[in-house]
Amino acid sequence: MKKKGVCFLLLLMLLALPVHGENAMEYFNLGLKSTLTSTKIKYFSKALEINPMLAEAYEKRGTLYFFQEKFDHFIQDFQTYIGLTSPKAEDYRMLGMGYLKSGFYERAIDKFNHAIEMEPDMMSAYAYRAEAYRLSGKYEETIHDATIAIALIGDGRTKSDAYRTRAKAFRETGRNDLAIADVNAAWDIDPRVPLWRRYFLKSLNPQEMRNVAPFLILIIGMVLIFGLTLKPPKKDD
């Protein structure tokens, strides 16, 4: 009799498992279909309440946390995700970015190391490991990694960031001519910098930029003042 009772309970448990898994996937899919970030996070969280082993939900929710700059939550989700899957180089790179943004530079370097070991030509891993080295005060390592990133084929913004990072390291080590050359190179290829700004600033070194800044502020102030004082009078009704 007891044996029958145990078997019956086991049967109920087995029948319940697919239901839970199906419900978790339903919430996960709702998260994928949603357009609002807060709603997506809510659905992914609900899916993980039902099935804490659903690795893809940690990855999706973690990525959303990253772009919300909730880096503690991002790191926690991505650590769990990596522990549940066979991680790719990009997963380690993303986790390294989370640590970099959080100010944990040594941990960031470690994760970028994993990414580079798995994918030796990953430009972004070199570029942001260079930044982690720079923020740690390791300027020669910074220059080494940034130089590799610049030589690799990849995203223009990332290459520009590598030039900027190397320029800062050159400046910190007294190599100002090299720093200026890198700043100009970064402006030449960075799609985020407007063309007028690139052509105006590319030939200026940092000291010249500091000298020009007060005049720019003065001109902008005068334009704002005259713009306000020269408003046409309101017409009488």
Protein backbone atom coordinates (compact mmCIF):
# COMPACT_ATOMS: atom_id res chain seq x y z
CA MET A 1 0.00 0.00 0.00
CA LYS A 2 2.81 2.36 0.95
CA LYS A 3 4.62 1.50 -2.27
CA LYS A 4 1.54 2.45 -4.30
CA GLY A 5 1.32 5.78 -2.49
CA VAL A 6 4.97 6.59 -3.21
CA CYS A 7 4.54 5.66 -6.87
CA PHE A 8 1.46 7.83 -7.10
CA LEU A 9 3.35 10.84 -5.66
CA LEU A 10 6.25 10.28 -8.05
CA LEU A 11 3.81 10.13 -10.94
CA LEU A 12 2.26 13.44 -9.88
CA MET A 13 5.72 15.03 -9.68
CA LEU A 14 6.67 13.77 -13.12
CA LEU A 15 3.43 15.08 -14.58
CA ALA A 16 4.00 18.46 -12.98
CA LEU A 17 7.52 18.96 -14.38
CA PRO A 18 6.58 19.56 -18.04
CA VAL A 19 3.86 21.97 -16.97
CA HIS A 20 6.35 24.12 -15.03
CA GLY A 21 8.82 24.02 -17.89
CA GLU A 22 6.13 24.98 -20.39
CA ASN A 23 4.95 27.88 -18.24
CA ALA A 24 8.51 29.15 -17.85
CA MET A 25 8.95 29.14 -21.62
CA GLU A 26 5.65 30.94 -22.07
CA TYR A 27 6.86 33.78 -19.84
CA PHE A 28 10.23 33.73 -21.57
CA ASN A 29 8.59 34.07 -24.98
CA LEU A 30 6.37 36.89 -23.69
CA GLY A 31 9.57 38.63 -22.61
CA LEU A 32 11.01 38.25 -26.10
CA LYS A 33 7.87 39.67 -27.70
CA SER A 34 7.49 42.63 -25.35
CA THR A 35 8.77 46.06 -26.35
CA LEU A 36 9.11 47.75 -22.95
CA THR A 37 12.31 46.96 -21.06
CA SER A 38 10.57 46.86 -17.67
CA THR A 39 7.96 44.40 -19.03
CA LYS A 40 10.64 42.20 -20.60
CA ILE A 41 12.52 42.05 -17.29
CA LYS A 42 9.29 41.19 -15.44
CA TYR A 43 8.55 38.27 -17.77
CA PHE A 44 12.12 36.94 -17.73
CA SER A 45 12.11 37.14 -13.91
CA LYS A 46 8.81 35.23 -13.77
CA ALA A 47 10.24 32.56 -16.06
CA LEU A 48 13.23 32.19 -13.73
CA GLU A 49 10.99 31.89 -10.68
CA ILE A 50 9.38 28.86 -12.33
CA ASN A 51 12.57 27.44 -13.84
CA PRO A 52 15.81 28.75 -12.24
CA MET A 53 17.82 26.68 -14.74
CA LEU A 54 16.57 28.57 -17.80
CA ALA A 55 19.93 29.95 -18.90
CA GLU A 56 18.64 32.06 -21.79
CA ALA A 57 16.47 34.09 -19.43
CA TYR A 58 19.53 35.09 -17.37
CA GLU A 59 21.32 36.14 -20.56
CA LYS A 60 18.40 38.22 -21.86
CA ARG A 61 17.61 39.83 -18.52
CA GLY A 62 21.28 40.48 -17.82
CA THR A 63 21.74 42.26 -21.14
CA LEU A 64 18.80 44.52 -20.33
CA TYR A 65 20.30 45.29 -16.93
CA PHE A 66 23.58 46.20 -18.64
CA PHE A 67 21.96 48.82 -20.84
CA GLN A 68 20.08 50.15 -17.80
CA GLU A 69 23.53 50.50 -16.15
CA LYS A 70 22.45 48.19 -13.32
CA PHE A 71 25.81 46.49 -13.42
CA ASP A 72 25.49 44.55 -10.14
CA HIS A 73 22.36 42.84 -11.45
CA PHE A 74 23.99 42.32 -14.82
CA ILE A 75 27.07 40.67 -13.32
CA GLN A 76 24.96 38.36 -11.17
CA ASP A 77 22.83 37.26 -14.13
CA PHE A 78 25.78 36.74 -16.46
CA GLN A 79 27.77 34.79 -13.89
CA THR A 80 24.78 32.47 -13.50
CA TYR A 81 24.32 32.26 -17.26
CA ILE A 82 27.96 31.33 -17.82
CA GLY A 83 27.73 28.71 -15.08
CA LEU A 84 24.74 27.06 -16.76
CA THR A 85 26.05 27.01 -20.34
CA SER A 86 29.14 26.47 -22.42
CA PRO A 87 30.18 30.14 -22.55
CA LYS A 88 31.41 31.87 -25.69
CA ALA A 89 34.10 34.53 -25.96
CA GLU A 90 31.41 37.21 -26.27
CA ASP A 91 29.90 36.13 -22.94
CA TYR A 92 33.21 36.65 -21.16
CA ARG A 93 33.70 39.96 -22.96
CA MET A 94 30.29 41.17 -21.80
CA LEU A 95 31.01 40.11 -18.22
CA GLY A 96 34.35 41.91 -18.44
CA MET A 97 32.52 45.06 -19.54
CA GLY A 98 30.24 44.79 -16.51
CA TYR A 99 33.22 44.61 -14.17
CA LEU A 100 34.93 47.45 -16.04
CA LYS A 101 31.87 49.69 -15.69
CA SER A 102 31.64 48.77 -11.99
CA GLY A 103 35.27 49.70 -11.28
CA PHE A 104 36.52 46.14 -10.69
CA TYR A 105 39.44 46.40 -13.09
CA GLU A 106 41.34 43.24 -12.18
CA ARG A 107 38.20 41.14 -12.53
CA ALA A 108 37.50 42.84 -15.84
CA ILE A 109 41.00 42.00 -17.07
CA ASP A 110 40.51 38.37 -16.05
CA LYS A 111 37.28 38.08 -18.07
CA PHE A 112 38.82 39.79 -21.09
CA ASN A 113 41.70 37.29 -20.81
CA HIS A 114 39.18 34.43 -21.12
CA ALA A 115 37.58 36.08 -24.15
CA ILE A 116 40.94 36.55 -25.89
CA GLU A 117 42.00 32.98 -25.15
CA MET A 118 38.83 31.74 -26.87
CA GLU A 119 38.90 34.29 -29.71
CA PRO A 120 42.39 35.76 -30.24
CA ASP A 121 41.22 38.27 -32.88
CA MET A 122 38.45 39.88 -30.79
CA MET A 123 39.23 43.57 -31.19
CA SER A 124 36.80 44.75 -28.51
CA ALA A 125 38.30 42.47 -25.85
CA TYR A 126 41.76 43.96 -26.48
CA ALA A 127 40.39 47.52 -26.63
CA TYR A 128 38.54 47.30 -23.33
CA ARG A 129 41.23 45.28 -21.59
CA ALA A 130 43.50 48.19 -22.57
CA GLU A 131 41.09 50.57 -20.84
CA ALA A 132 41.03 48.35 -17.74
CA TYR A 133 44.84 48.39 -17.71
CA ARG A 134 44.84 52.19 -18.07
CA LEU A 135 42.45 52.67 -15.18
CA SER A 136 44.72 50.37 -13.15
CA GLY A 137 47.72 52.59 -13.94
CA LYS A 138 49.41 49.94 -16.13
CA TYR A 139 50.25 52.17 -19.08
CA GLU A 140 52.65 49.93 -21.03
CA GLU A 141 50.09 47.10 -20.97
CA THR A 142 47.51 49.66 -22.09
CA ILE A 143 49.59 50.70 -25.07
CA HIS A 144 50.29 47.07 -25.99
CA ASP A 145 46.64 46.03 -26.00
CA ALA A 146 45.37 49.20 -27.68
CA THR A 147 47.95 48.77 -30.45
CA ILE A 148 46.73 45.22 -31.10
CA ALA A 149 43.10 46.39 -31.14
CA ILE A 150 43.91 49.16 -33.64
CA ALA A 151 45.59 46.66 -35.96
CA LEU A 152 42.63 44.25 -35.95
CA ILE A 153 39.58 44.49 -38.21
CA GLY A 154 36.39 45.47 -36.43
CA ASP A 155 33.92 48.15 -35.44
CA GLY A 156 35.00 51.74 -36.11
CA ARG A 157 33.78 52.99 -32.74
CA THR A 158 35.79 50.36 -30.91
CA LYS A 159 38.90 51.22 -32.93
CA SER A 160 38.36 54.90 -32.09
CA ASP A 161 38.04 54.02 -28.39
CA ALA A 162 41.33 52.11 -28.63
CA TYR A 163 43.03 55.20 -30.11
CA ARG A 164 41.63 57.37 -27.31
CA THR A 165 42.75 54.92 -24.65
CA ARG A 166 46.25 54.72 -26.10
CA ALA A 167 46.39 58.52 -26.38
CA LYS A 168 45.68 58.83 -22.65
CA ALA A 169 48.40 56.29 -21.86
CA PHE A 170 50.88 58.15 -24.10
CA ARG A 171 50.02 61.41 -22.36
CA GLU A 172 50.48 59.87 -18.92
CA THR A 173 53.94 58.63 -19.94
CA GLY A 174 55.05 61.94 -21.45
CA ARG A 175 54.78 60.97 -25.12
CA ASN A 176 52.65 63.96 -26.09
CA ASP A 177 53.31 63.89 -29.85
CA LEU A 178 52.09 60.29 -30.03
CA ALA A 179 49.08 61.19 -27.88
CA ILE A 180 48.09 64.04 -30.23
CA ALA A 181 48.45 61.77 -33.27
CA ASP A 182 46.15 59.19 -31.66
CA VAL A 183 43.56 61.82 -30.73
CA ASN A 184 43.48 62.99 -34.35
CA ALA A 185 43.17 59.40 -35.59
CA ALA A 186 40.28 58.76 -33.20
CA TRP A 187 38.41 61.83 -34.48
CA ASP A 188 39.04 60.83 -38.09
CA ILE A 189 37.27 57.47 -37.77
CA ASP A 190 34.78 57.98 -34.93
CA PRO A 191 31.25 58.05 -36.41
CA ARG A 192 29.90 59.63 -33.19
CA VAL A 193 31.85 62.87 -33.69
CA PRO A 194 30.19 65.42 -36.05
CA LEU A 195 32.22 66.31 -39.12
CA TRP A 196 32.49 70.03 -38.25
CA ARG A 197 33.91 69.16 -34.84
CA ARG A 198 36.43 66.75 -36.31
CA TYR A 199 37.80 69.25 -38.84
CA PHE A 200 37.89 72.06 -36.28
CA LEU A 201 39.61 70.10 -33.52
CA LYS A 202 41.76 67.52 -35.26
CA SER A 203 44.75 69.85 -35.63
CA LEU A 204 44.66 71.16 -32.08
CA ASN A 205 46.74 69.63 -29.33
CA PRO A 206 45.32 69.49 -25.78
CA GLN A 207 47.01 72.77 -24.72
CA GLU A 208 45.62 74.61 -27.74
CA MET A 209 42.16 73.23 -27.00
CA ARG A 210 42.36 74.61 -23.45
CA ASN A 211 43.36 78.01 -24.85
CA VAL A 212 40.50 78.06 -27.35
CA ALA A 213 37.81 76.90 -24.91
CA PRO A 214 37.23 80.30 -23.16
CA PHE A 215 36.72 82.02 -26.53
CA LEU A 216 34.23 79.37 -27.61
CA ILE A 217 32.31 79.81 -24.36
CA LEU A 218 32.32 83.60 -24.85
CA ILE A 219 31.02 83.31 -28.42
CA ILE A 220 28.27 80.89 -27.40
CA GLY A 221 27.28 83.22 -24.53
CA MET A 222 27.09 86.24 -26.84
CA VAL A 223 24.97 84.33 -29.34
CA LEU A 224 22.55 83.33 -26.59
CA ILE A 225 22.36 86.89 -25.19
CA PHE A 226 21.83 88.55 -28.58
CA GLY A 227 19.38 85.83 -29.56
CA LEU A 228 17.24 86.66 -26.53
CA THR A 229 17.49 90.46 -26.87
CA LEU A 230 16.74 90.50 -30.59
CA LYS A 231 13.44 88.66 -30.33
CA PRO A 232 10.76 90.50 -32.40
CA PRO A 233 8.20 92.34 -30.25
CA LYS A 234 4.82 90.77 -29.82
CA LYS A 235 2.10 92.20 -32.01
CA ASP A 236 -0.77 93.97 -30.26
CA ASP A 237 -4.14 92.36 -30.63
